[in-house]
Amino acid sequence: LHARPKKSCGRITRNRNVMRNSWVVEGTRVPTAAIRQ
């Protein structure tokens, strides 16, 4: 259930219902800003 599809690896997405519309790694709730920090 928690496994990410392989096609989502290496992709960045934005969704208004995920992390307040922040840019995140697709299939996760990890913001790109956190990775940069």
PDB file of all heavy atoms in Angstrom:
ATOM      1  N   LEU A   1       0.826  -1.209   0.000  1.00  0.00           N
ATOM      2  CA  LEU A   1       0.000   0.000   0.000  1.00  0.00           C
ATOM      3  C   LEU A   1       0.861   1.259   0.000  1.00  0.00           C
ATOM      4  O   LEU A   1       0.521   2.252  -0.628  1.00  0.00           O
ATOM      5  CB  LEU A   1      -0.908   0.036   1.233  1.00  0.00           C
ATOM      6  CG  LEU A   1      -2.239  -0.668   1.122  1.00  0.00           C
ATOM      7  CD1 LEU A   1      -2.942  -0.636   2.477  1.00  0.00           C
ATOM      8  CD2 LEU A   1      -3.106  -0.038   0.072  1.00  0.00           C
ATOM      9  N   HIS A   2       1.960   1.214   0.721  1.00  0.00           N
ATOM     10  CA  HIS A   2       2.830   2.380   0.854  1.00  0.00           C
ATOM     11  C   HIS A   2       3.909   2.450  -0.214  1.00  0.00           C
ATOM     12  O   HIS A   2       4.631   3.446  -0.282  1.00  0.00           O
ATOM     13  CB  HIS A   2       3.474   2.406   2.245  1.00  0.00           C
ATOM     14  CG  HIS A   2       2.485   2.619   3.347  1.00  0.00           C
ATOM     15  ND1 HIS A   2       1.637   3.691   3.391  1.00  0.00           N
ATOM     16  CD2 HIS A   2       2.189   1.877   4.434  1.00  0.00           C
ATOM     17  CE1 HIS A   2       0.873   3.612   4.458  1.00  0.00           C
ATOM     18  NE2 HIS A   2       1.176   2.521   5.109  1.00  0.00           N
ATOM     19  N   ALA A   3       4.016   1.430  -1.037  1.00  0.00           N
ATOM     20  CA  ALA A   3       5.056   1.415  -2.066  1.00  0.00           C
ATOM     21  C   ALA A   3       4.749   2.460  -3.138  1.00  0.00           C
ATOM     22  O   ALA A   3       3.592   2.664  -3.515  1.00  0.00           O
ATOM     23  CB  ALA A   3       5.153   0.034  -2.694  1.00  0.00           C
ATOM     24  N   ARG A   4       5.792   3.123  -3.600  1.00  0.00           N
ATOM     25  CA  ARG A   4       5.642   4.119  -4.661  1.00  0.00           C
ATOM     26  C   ARG A   4       5.818   3.449  -6.006  1.00  0.00           C
ATOM     27  O   ARG A   4       6.697   2.616  -6.168  1.00  0.00           O
ATOM     28  CB  ARG A   4       6.718   5.189  -4.517  1.00  0.00           C
ATOM     29  CG  ARG A   4       6.533   6.065  -3.338  1.00  0.00           C
ATOM     30  CD  ARG A   4       7.686   7.016  -3.159  1.00  0.00           C
ATOM     31  NE  ARG A   4       7.938   7.796  -4.363  1.00  0.00           N
ATOM     32  CZ  ARG A   4       9.111   8.302  -4.669  1.00  0.00           C
ATOM     33  NH1 ARG A   4      10.142   8.117  -3.893  1.00  0.00           N
ATOM     34  NH2 ARG A   4       9.280   8.994  -5.762  1.00  0.00           N
ATOM     35  N   PRO A   5       5.026   3.853  -6.981  1.00  0.00           N
ATOM     36  CA  PRO A   5       5.249   3.332  -8.336  1.00  0.00           C
ATOM     37  C   PRO A   5       6.609   3.792  -8.849  1.00  0.00           C
ATOM     38  O   PRO A   5       7.040   4.915  -8.573  1.00  0.00           O
ATOM     39  CB  PRO A   5       4.130   3.963  -9.161  1.00  0.00           C
ATOM     40  CG  PRO A   5       3.169   4.561  -8.193  1.00  0.00           C
ATOM     41  CD  PRO A   5       3.890   4.734  -6.895  1.00  0.00           C
ATOM     42  N   LYS A   6       7.300   2.948  -9.587  1.00  0.00           N
ATOM     43  CA  LYS A   6       8.632   3.284 -10.096  1.00  0.00           C
ATOM     44  C   LYS A   6       8.595   4.524 -10.982  1.00  0.00           C
ATOM     45  O   LYS A   6       9.541   5.293 -11.007  1.00  0.00           O
ATOM     46  CB  LYS A   6       9.204   2.104 -10.874  1.00  0.00           C
ATOM     47  CG  LYS A   6       9.435   0.895  -9.998  1.00  0.00           C
ATOM     48  CD  LYS A   6      10.858   0.441 -10.094  1.00  0.00           C
ATOM     49  CE  LYS A   6      11.046  -0.847  -9.351  1.00  0.00           C
ATOM     50  NZ  LYS A   6      11.589  -0.655  -8.045  1.00  0.00           N
ATOM     51  N   LYS A   7       7.488   4.749 -11.691  1.00  0.00           N
ATOM     52  CA  LYS A   7       7.419   5.896 -12.594  1.00  0.00           C
ATOM     53  C   LYS A   7       7.387   7.226 -11.838  1.00  0.00           C
ATOM     54  O   LYS A   7       7.647   8.270 -12.410  1.00  0.00           O
ATOM     55  CB  LYS A   7       6.219   5.791 -13.525  1.00  0.00           C
ATOM     56  CG  LYS A   7       4.882   5.955 -12.846  1.00  0.00           C
ATOM     57  CD  LYS A   7       3.742   5.897 -13.832  1.00  0.00           C
ATOM     58  CE  LYS A   7       2.433   6.172 -13.115  1.00  0.00           C
ATOM     59  NZ  LYS A   7       1.337   6.290 -14.025  1.00  0.00           N
ATOM     60  N   SER A   8       7.082   7.206 -10.545  1.00  0.00           N
ATOM     61  CA  SER A   8       7.046   8.448  -9.772  1.00  0.00           C
ATOM     62  C   SER A   8       8.418   8.840  -9.226  1.00  0.00           C
ATOM     63  O   SER A   8       8.602   9.969  -8.774  1.00  0.00           O
ATOM     64  CB  SER A   8       6.044   8.344  -8.618  1.00  0.00           C
ATOM     65  OG  SER A   8       6.530   7.498  -7.611  1.00  0.00           O
ATOM     66  N   CYS A   9       9.387   7.951  -9.303  1.00  0.00           N
ATOM     67  CA  CYS A   9      10.731   8.251  -8.809  1.00  0.00           C
ATOM     68  C   CYS A   9      11.390   9.314  -9.684  1.00  0.00           C
ATOM     69  O   CYS A   9      11.335   9.249 -10.905  1.00  0.00           O
ATOM     70  CB  CYS A   9      11.587   6.997  -8.774  1.00  0.00           C
ATOM     71  SG  CYS A   9      11.036   5.808  -7.539  1.00  0.00           S
ATOM     72  N   GLY A  10      11.983  10.291  -9.038  1.00  0.00           N
ATOM     73  CA  GLY A  10      12.682  11.341  -9.765  1.00  0.00           C
ATOM     74  C   GLY A  10      11.769  12.411 -10.334  1.00  0.00           C
ATOM     75  O   GLY A  10      12.176  13.198 -11.169  1.00  0.00           O
ATOM     76  N   ARG A  11      10.530  12.460  -9.858  1.00  0.00           N
ATOM     77  CA  ARG A  11       9.575  13.439 -10.364  1.00  0.00           C
ATOM     78  C   ARG A  11       9.119  14.360  -9.239  1.00  0.00           C
ATOM     79  O   ARG A  11       8.959  13.940  -8.103  1.00  0.00           O
ATOM     80  CB  ARG A  11       8.371  12.735 -10.986  1.00  0.00           C
ATOM     81  CG  ARG A  11       8.772  11.896 -12.194  1.00  0.00           C
ATOM     82  CD  ARG A  11       7.621  11.194 -12.814  1.00  0.00           C
ATOM     83  NE  ARG A  11       6.715  12.183 -13.391  1.00  0.00           N
ATOM     84  CZ  ARG A  11       5.622  11.862 -14.042  1.00  0.00           C
ATOM     85  NH1 ARG A  11       5.298  10.603 -14.205  1.00  0.00           N
ATOM     86  NH2 ARG A  11       4.839  12.797 -14.530  1.00  0.00           N
ATOM     87  N   ILE A  12       8.894  15.603  -9.605  1.00  0.00           N
ATOM     88  CA  ILE A  12       8.443  16.620  -8.657  1.00  0.00           C
ATOM     89  C   ILE A  12       7.027  17.020  -9.042  1.00  0.00           C
ATOM     90  O   ILE A  12       6.717  17.148 -10.226  1.00  0.00           O
ATOM     91  CB  ILE A  12       9.380  17.853  -8.706  1.00  0.00           C
ATOM     92  CG1 ILE A  12      10.843  17.435  -8.510  1.00  0.00           C
ATOM     93  CG2 ILE A  12       8.956  18.897  -7.694  1.00  0.00           C
ATOM     94  CD1 ILE A  12      11.136  16.697  -7.230  1.00  0.00           C
ATOM     95  N   THR A  13       6.189  17.216  -8.052  1.00  0.00           N
ATOM     96  CA  THR A  13       4.796  17.547  -8.325  1.00  0.00           C
ATOM     97  C   THR A  13       4.282  18.546  -7.307  1.00  0.00           C
ATOM     98  O   THR A  13       4.898  18.784  -6.269  1.00  0.00           O
ATOM     99  CB  THR A  13       3.934  16.271  -8.331  1.00  0.00           C
ATOM    100  OG1 THR A  13       2.633  16.580  -8.819  1.00  0.00           O
ATOM    101  CG2 THR A  13       3.835  15.660  -6.954  1.00  0.00           C
ATOM    102  N   ARG A  14       3.118  19.074  -7.622  1.00  0.00           N
ATOM    103  CA  ARG A  14       2.474  20.027  -6.720  1.00  0.00           C
ATOM    104  C   ARG A  14       0.981  19.734  -6.726  1.00  0.00           C
ATOM    105  O   ARG A  14       0.390  19.554  -7.784  1.00  0.00           O
ATOM    106  CB  ARG A  14       2.728  21.435  -7.242  1.00  0.00           C
ATOM    107  CG  ARG A  14       2.393  22.530  -6.314  1.00  0.00           C
ATOM    108  CD  ARG A  14       2.800  23.825  -6.969  1.00  0.00           C
ATOM    109  NE  ARG A  14       2.895  24.874  -5.988  1.00  0.00           N
ATOM    110  CZ  ARG A  14       3.221  26.107  -6.277  1.00  0.00           C
ATOM    111  NH1 ARG A  14       3.490  26.447  -7.517  1.00  0.00           N
ATOM    112  NH2 ARG A  14       3.288  27.004  -5.342  1.00  0.00           N
ATOM    113  N   ASN A  15       0.388  19.660  -5.546  1.00  0.00           N
ATOM    114  CA  ASN A  15      -1.031  19.366  -5.430  1.00  0.00           C
ATOM    115  C   ASN A  15      -1.579  20.178  -4.263  1.00  0.00           C
ATOM    116  O   ASN A  15      -1.016  20.144  -3.164  1.00  0.00           O
ATOM    117  CB  ASN A  15      -1.223  17.864  -5.172  1.00  0.00           C
ATOM    118  CG  ASN A  15      -2.661  17.448  -5.093  1.00  0.00           C
ATOM    119  OD1 ASN A  15      -3.519  18.184  -4.595  1.00  0.00           O
ATOM    120  ND2 ASN A  15      -2.941  16.250  -5.557  1.00  0.00           N
ATOM    121  N   ARG A  16      -2.655  20.880  -4.507  1.00  0.00           N
ATOM    122  CA  ARG A  16      -3.179  21.754  -3.452  1.00  0.00           C
ATOM    123  C   ARG A  16      -3.607  21.006  -2.197  1.00  0.00           C
ATOM    124  O   ARG A  16      -3.751  21.596  -1.135  1.00  0.00           O
ATOM    125  CB  ARG A  16      -4.324  22.603  -3.981  1.00  0.00           C
ATOM    126  CG  ARG A  16      -5.545  21.798  -4.325  1.00  0.00           C
ATOM    127  CD  ARG A  16      -6.626  22.676  -4.873  1.00  0.00           C
ATOM    128  NE  ARG A  16      -7.768  21.849  -5.235  1.00  0.00           N
ATOM    129  CZ  ARG A  16      -8.949  22.318  -5.417  1.00  0.00           C
ATOM    130  NH1 ARG A  16      -9.177  23.597  -5.293  1.00  0.00           N
ATOM    131  NH2 ARG A  16      -9.929  21.509  -5.745  1.00  0.00           N
ATOM    132  N   ASN A  17      -3.814  19.700  -2.311  1.00  0.00           N
ATOM    133  CA  ASN A  17      -4.223  18.910  -1.146  1.00  0.00           C
ATOM    134  C   ASN A  17      -3.058  18.214  -0.447  1.00  0.00           C
ATOM    135  O   ASN A  17      -3.265  17.457   0.487  1.00  0.00           O
ATOM    136  CB  ASN A  17      -5.249  17.861  -1.576  1.00  0.00           C
ATOM    137  CG  ASN A  17      -6.500  18.492  -2.122  1.00  0.00           C
ATOM    138  OD1 ASN A  17      -7.004  19.465  -1.564  1.00  0.00           O
ATOM    139  ND2 ASN A  17      -7.000  17.976  -3.227  1.00  0.00           N
ATOM    140  N   VAL A  18      -1.846  18.456  -0.912  1.00  0.00           N
ATOM    141  CA  VAL A  18      -0.660  17.818  -0.320  1.00  0.00           C
ATOM    142  C   VAL A  18       0.299  18.901   0.136  1.00  0.00           C
ATOM    143  O   VAL A  18       0.763  19.716  -0.658  1.00  0.00           O
ATOM    144  CB  VAL A  18       0.033  16.883  -1.341  1.00  0.00           C
ATOM    145  CG1 VAL A  18       1.288  16.275  -0.732  1.00  0.00           C
ATOM    146  CG2 VAL A  18      -0.920  15.794  -1.807  1.00  0.00           C
ATOM    147  N   MET A  19       0.588  18.912   1.396  1.00  0.00           N
ATOM    148  CA  MET A  19       1.566  19.830   1.983  1.00  0.00           C
ATOM    149  C   MET A  19       1.306  21.294   1.601  1.00  0.00           C
ATOM    150  O   MET A  19       2.235  22.028   1.261  1.00  0.00           O
ATOM    151  CB  MET A  19       2.993  19.424   1.604  1.00  0.00           C
ATOM    152  CG  MET A  19       3.415  18.065   2.111  1.00  0.00           C
ATOM    153  SD  MET A  19       3.394  17.906   3.894  1.00  0.00           S
ATOM    154  CE  MET A  19       4.703  18.995   4.346  1.00  0.00           C
ATOM    155  N   ARG A  20       0.059  21.673   1.634  1.00  0.00           N
ATOM    156  CA  ARG A  20      -0.340  23.069   1.374  1.00  0.00           C
ATOM    157  C   ARG A  20       0.189  23.594   0.047  1.00  0.00           C
ATOM    158  O   ARG A  20       0.674  24.714  -0.055  1.00  0.00           O
ATOM    159  CB  ARG A  20       0.111  23.972   2.509  1.00  0.00           C
ATOM    160  CG  ARG A  20      -0.536  23.612   3.816  1.00  0.00           C
ATOM    161  CD  ARG A  20      -0.105  24.557   4.883  1.00  0.00           C
ATOM    162  NE  ARG A  20      -0.766  24.202   6.119  1.00  0.00           N
ATOM    163  CZ  ARG A  20      -0.384  24.598   7.288  1.00  0.00           C
ATOM    164  NH1 ARG A  20       0.674  25.370   7.411  1.00  0.00           N
ATOM    165  NH2 ARG A  20      -1.033  24.240   8.353  1.00  0.00           N
ATOM    166  N   ASN A  21       0.111  22.759  -0.966  1.00  0.00           N
ATOM    167  CA  ASN A  21       0.480  23.123  -2.333  1.00  0.00           C
ATOM    168  C   ASN A  21       1.980  23.360  -2.507  1.00  0.00           C
ATOM    169  O   ASN A  21       2.409  24.019  -3.444  1.00  0.00           O
ATOM    170  CB  ASN A  21      -0.314  24.336  -2.814  1.00  0.00           C
ATOM    171  CG  ASN A  21      -0.454  24.382  -4.314  1.00  0.00           C
ATOM    172  OD1 ASN A  21      -0.525  23.339  -4.966  1.00  0.00           O
ATOM    173  ND2 ASN A  21      -0.480  25.569  -4.879  1.00  0.00           N
ATOM    174  N   SER A  22       2.797  22.817  -1.632  1.00  0.00           N
ATOM    175  CA  SER A  22       4.254  22.918  -1.777  1.00  0.00           C
ATOM    176  C   SER A  22       4.719  21.934  -2.841  1.00  0.00           C
ATOM    177  O   SER A  22       4.076  20.922  -3.105  1.00  0.00           O
ATOM    178  CB  SER A  22       4.951  22.567  -0.465  1.00  0.00           C
ATOM    179  OG  SER A  22       4.623  23.487   0.533  1.00  0.00           O
ATOM    180  N   TRP A  23       5.861  22.221  -3.444  1.00  0.00           N
ATOM    181  CA  TRP A  23       6.477  21.273  -4.369  1.00  0.00           C
ATOM    182  C   TRP A  23       7.011  20.109  -3.556  1.00  0.00           C
ATOM    183  O   TRP A  23       7.725  20.307  -2.571  1.00  0.00           O
ATOM    184  CB  TRP A  23       7.612  21.943  -5.137  1.00  0.00           C
ATOM    185  CG  TRP A  23       7.137  22.949  -6.122  1.00  0.00           C
ATOM    186  CD1 TRP A  23       7.165  24.303  -5.983  1.00  0.00           C
ATOM    187  CD2 TRP A  23       6.550  22.691  -7.394  1.00  0.00           C
ATOM    188  NE1 TRP A  23       6.629  24.911  -7.093  1.00  0.00           N
ATOM    189  CE2 TRP A  23       6.243  23.935  -7.988  1.00  0.00           C
ATOM    190  CE3 TRP A  23       6.240  21.530  -8.103  1.00  0.00           C
ATOM    191  CZ2 TRP A  23       5.659  24.053  -9.245  1.00  0.00           C
ATOM    192  CZ3 TRP A  23       5.665  21.654  -9.357  1.00  0.00           C
ATOM    193  CH2 TRP A  23       5.383  22.889  -9.909  1.00  0.00           C
ATOM    194  N   VAL A  24       6.641  18.896  -3.944  1.00  0.00           N
ATOM    195  CA  VAL A  24       7.057  17.690  -3.227  1.00  0.00           C
ATOM    196  C   VAL A  24       7.560  16.643  -4.217  1.00  0.00           C
ATOM    197  O   VAL A  24       7.299  16.725  -5.418  1.00  0.00           O
ATOM    198  CB  VAL A  24       5.909  17.074  -2.397  1.00  0.00           C
ATOM    199  CG1 VAL A  24       5.432  18.016  -1.321  1.00  0.00           C
ATOM    200  CG2 VAL A  24       4.757  16.646  -3.279  1.00  0.00           C
ATOM    201  N   VAL A  25       8.270  15.654  -3.698  1.00  0.00           N
ATOM    202  CA  VAL A  25       8.668  14.503  -4.499  1.00  0.00           C
ATOM    203  C   VAL A  25       7.407  13.681  -4.730  1.00  0.00           C
ATOM    204  O   VAL A  25       6.683  13.368  -3.784  1.00  0.00           O
ATOM    205  CB  VAL A  25       9.748  13.675  -3.774  1.00  0.00           C
ATOM    206  CG1 VAL A  25      10.077  12.422  -4.550  1.00  0.00           C
ATOM    207  CG2 VAL A  25      10.982  14.515  -3.517  1.00  0.00           C
ATOM    208  N   GLU A  26       7.140  13.372  -5.982  1.00  0.00           N
ATOM    209  CA  GLU A  26       5.901  12.662  -6.330  1.00  0.00           C
ATOM    210  C   GLU A  26       5.774  11.350  -5.567  1.00  0.00           C
ATOM    211  O   GLU A  26       6.745  10.606  -5.415  1.00  0.00           O
ATOM    212  CB  GLU A  26       5.862  12.379  -7.827  1.00  0.00           C
ATOM    213  CG  GLU A  26       4.531  11.831  -8.287  1.00  0.00           C
ATOM    214  CD  GLU A  26       4.442  11.727  -9.786  1.00  0.00           C
ATOM    215  OE1 GLU A  26       4.686  12.741 -10.475  1.00  0.00           O
ATOM    216  OE2 GLU A  26       4.130  10.633 -10.266  1.00  0.00           O
ATOM    217  N   GLY A  27       4.584  11.099  -5.056  1.00  0.00           N
ATOM    218  CA  GLY A  27       4.316   9.876  -4.311  1.00  0.00           C
ATOM    219  C   GLY A  27       4.703   9.960  -2.845  1.00  0.00           C
ATOM    220  O   GLY A  27       4.591   8.978  -2.123  1.00  0.00           O
ATOM    221  N   THR A  28       5.173  11.136  -2.404  1.00  0.00           N
ATOM    222  CA  THR A  28       5.554  11.325  -1.005  1.00  0.00           C
ATOM    223  C   THR A  28       4.962  12.651  -0.518  1.00  0.00           C
ATOM    224  O   THR A  28       4.316  13.358  -1.272  1.00  0.00           O
ATOM    225  CB  THR A  28       7.085  11.394  -0.821  1.00  0.00           C
ATOM    226  OG1 THR A  28       7.565  12.640  -1.322  1.00  0.00           O
ATOM    227  CG2 THR A  28       7.781  10.249  -1.520  1.00  0.00           C
ATOM    228  N   ARG A  29       5.249  12.964   0.701  1.00  0.00           N
ATOM    229  CA  ARG A  29       4.893  14.265   1.254  1.00  0.00           C
ATOM    230  C   ARG A  29       6.169  15.022   1.639  1.00  0.00           C
ATOM    231  O   ARG A  29       6.157  15.875   2.511  1.00  0.00           O
ATOM    232  CB  ARG A  29       3.980  14.086   2.465  1.00  0.00           C
ATOM    233  CG  ARG A  29       2.663  13.391   2.130  1.00  0.00           C
ATOM    234  CD  ARG A  29       1.806  13.150   3.345  1.00  0.00           C
ATOM    235  NE  ARG A  29       1.320  14.370   3.948  1.00  0.00           N
ATOM    236  CZ  ARG A  29       0.241  15.044   3.561  1.00  0.00           C
ATOM    237  NH1 ARG A  29      -0.457  14.606   2.542  1.00  0.00           N
ATOM    238  NH2 ARG A  29      -0.141  16.134   4.189  1.00  0.00           N
ATOM    239  N   VAL A  30       7.260  14.703   0.972  1.00  0.00           N
ATOM    240  CA  VAL A  30       8.557  15.315   1.275  1.00  0.00           C
ATOM    241  C   VAL A  30       8.740  16.549   0.391  1.00  0.00           C
ATOM    242  O   VAL A  30       8.864  16.428  -0.824  1.00  0.00           O
ATOM    243  CB  VAL A  30       9.713  14.326   1.045  1.00  0.00           C
ATOM    244  CG1 VAL A  30      11.040  14.984   1.360  1.00  0.00           C
ATOM    245  CG2 VAL A  30       9.520  13.069   1.876  1.00  0.00           C
ATOM    246  N   PRO A  31       8.758  17.741   0.985  1.00  0.00           N
ATOM    247  CA  PRO A  31       8.933  18.961   0.195  1.00  0.00           C
ATOM    248  C   PRO A  31      10.346  19.068  -0.373  1.00  0.00           C
ATOM    249  O   PRO A  31      11.325  18.687   0.277  1.00  0.00           O
ATOM    250  CB  PRO A  31       8.697  20.095   1.200  1.00  0.00           C
ATOM    251  CG  PRO A  31       8.098  19.464   2.401  1.00  0.00           C
ATOM    252  CD  PRO A  31       8.505  18.026   2.389  1.00  0.00           C
ATOM    253  N   THR A  32      10.423  19.607  -1.579  1.00  0.00           N
ATOM    254  CA  THR A  32      11.740  19.803  -2.196  1.00  0.00           C
ATOM    255  C   THR A  32      12.562  20.792  -1.379  1.00  0.00           C
ATOM    256  O   THR A  32      13.777  20.681  -1.315  1.00  0.00           O
ATOM    257  CB  THR A  32      11.606  20.288  -3.644  1.00  0.00           C
ATOM    258  OG1 THR A  32      10.865  21.503  -3.677  1.00  0.00           O
ATOM    259  CG2 THR A  32      10.935  19.250  -4.515  1.00  0.00           C
ATOM    260  N   ALA A  33      11.904  21.743  -0.741  1.00  0.00           N
ATOM    261  CA  ALA A  33      12.612  22.725   0.086  1.00  0.00           C
ATOM    262  C   ALA A  33      13.326  22.039   1.253  1.00  0.00           C
ATOM    263  O   ALA A  33      14.434  22.435   1.633  1.00  0.00           O
ATOM    264  CB  ALA A  33      11.652  23.783   0.594  1.00  0.00           C
ATOM    265  N   ALA A  34      12.729  21.004   1.817  1.00  0.00           N
ATOM    266  CA  ALA A  34      13.365  20.279   2.923  1.00  0.00           C
ATOM    267  C   ALA A  34      14.626  19.574   2.441  1.00  0.00           C
ATOM    268  O   ALA A  34      15.655  19.575   3.126  1.00  0.00           O
ATOM    269  CB  ALA A  34      12.391  19.267   3.522  1.00  0.00           C
ATOM    270  N   ILE A  35      14.574  19.011   1.248  1.00  0.00           N
ATOM    271  CA  ILE A  35      15.747  18.336   0.694  1.00  0.00           C
ATOM    272  C   ILE A  35      16.858  19.355   0.447  1.00  0.00           C
ATOM    273  O   ILE A  35      18.022  19.108   0.740  1.00  0.00           O
ATOM    274  CB  ILE A  35      15.371  17.574  -0.591  1.00  0.00           C
ATOM    275  CG1 ILE A  35      14.392  16.445  -0.239  1.00  0.00           C
ATOM    276  CG2 ILE A  35      16.612  17.020  -1.284  1.00  0.00           C
ATOM    277  CD1 ILE A  35      13.763  15.765  -1.424  1.00  0.00           C
ATOM    278  N   ARG A  36      16.491  20.533  -0.084  1.00  0.00           N
ATOM    279  CA  ARG A  36      17.468  21.596  -0.309  1.00  0.00           C
ATOM    280  C   ARG A  36      18.113  22.014   1.003  1.00  0.00           C
ATOM    281  O   ARG A  36      19.332  22.178   1.090  1.00  0.00           O
ATOM    282  CB  ARG A  36      16.817  22.812  -0.972  1.00  0.00           C
ATOM    283  CG  ARG A  36      17.786  23.981  -1.147  1.00  0.00           C
ATOM    284  CD  ARG A  36      17.103  25.221  -1.695  1.00  0.00           C
ATOM    285  NE  ARG A  36      15.816  25.532  -1.109  1.00  0.00           N
ATOM    286  CZ  ARG A  36      15.629  26.178   0.044  1.00  0.00           C
ATOM    287  NH1 ARG A  36      16.659  26.572   0.758  1.00  0.00           N
ATOM    288  NH2 ARG A  36      14.413  26.417   0.492  1.00  0.00           N
ATOM    289  N   GLN A  37      17.322  22.156   2.055  1.00  0.00           N
ATOM    290  CA  GLN A  37      17.850  22.573   3.352  1.00  0.00           C
ATOM    291  C   GLN A  37      18.823  21.535   3.915  1.00  0.00           C
ATOM    292  O   GLN A  37      19.860  21.894   4.477  1.00  0.00           O
ATOM    293  CB  GLN A  37      16.713  22.833   4.328  1.00  0.00           C
ATOM    294  CG  GLN A  37      15.916  24.073   3.958  1.00  0.00           C
ATOM    295  CD  GLN A  37      14.633  24.204   4.751  1.00  0.00           C
ATOM    296  OE1 GLN A  37      14.201  23.277   5.427  1.00  0.00           O
ATOM    297  NE2 GLN A  37      14.004  25.367   4.651  1.00  0.00           N
TER     298      GLN A  37
END
